[in-house]
Amino acid sequence: MDSGGRKVEFYAAPRRPTADPVPRSAAREVRIIGGRCRGRRLRFPPAAQLRPTPDRVRETLFNWLGQDLTGRSTLDLYAGSGALSLEALSRGAASAVAVDRDPRLVAAIAANARDLGLDGLRAVRGDARAFLEAAGGAWDVIFCDPPYADDPWDWLLPACAGRLAAGGAIYAEAGRRLAPPAGLVLARDGRAGQVVYHLFRPG
């Protein structure tokens, strides 16, 4: 637990699980759109408020990041389907931490990484704020796509800014346009339907 009593658990997928964590009859799917796993599909269970980042938006995001993430580290605080973390690993990222509160999604992310042969993933069951308060280290890219109803941006963006490696970036998806807090500047942004997506960098 962190200092506030919130639980953070780290999971590693077993090499040969005894049961499929996502039965095909109930699964939803997204595909990897770039890197060595391009075209491969990710399966994950349906979950309330889950909104996988659309292909077109992911393509734009990774264009902003330069397509090749070789050697970089990423953190996804509301991982959901795990598409952003697994896409980053497909594009050469050295490590990816995927955090989500739903244990079914965490298990599915770990299983998808194993099935795709993507090393470097750490799947974490836990709360985003608790993770940031408890974990050490810094990341090159931090992904933030929380449920719209949570609206955590007042604390989330400043907290993420404190965990960026030099030259790093924060990607944020929201139901409204976000203003950068002190210490960050808005580098790029766009809109797809009701989704406004942003790339922040240190100011």
Foldseek 3Di string as FASTA:
>chain_A
DFPVPWDKFWDAADLDDPDDLAPPVAWDWDAQCDAPRHPDIATAGDDPLADPDDPVVLVVVCVVVVQAQAAFEEEEQACRQVRVQVNNLRRHYQAYEYEHQDVSNLNSNNVVCSVSVRPHYIRMHTHSVRCLRPDDAAGQEYEYEDRQVVPPPVPPQVSNLVRHDVNHKYKYKYQDDDQHDPQKHWDDWDDDVSIIMTIIDGD
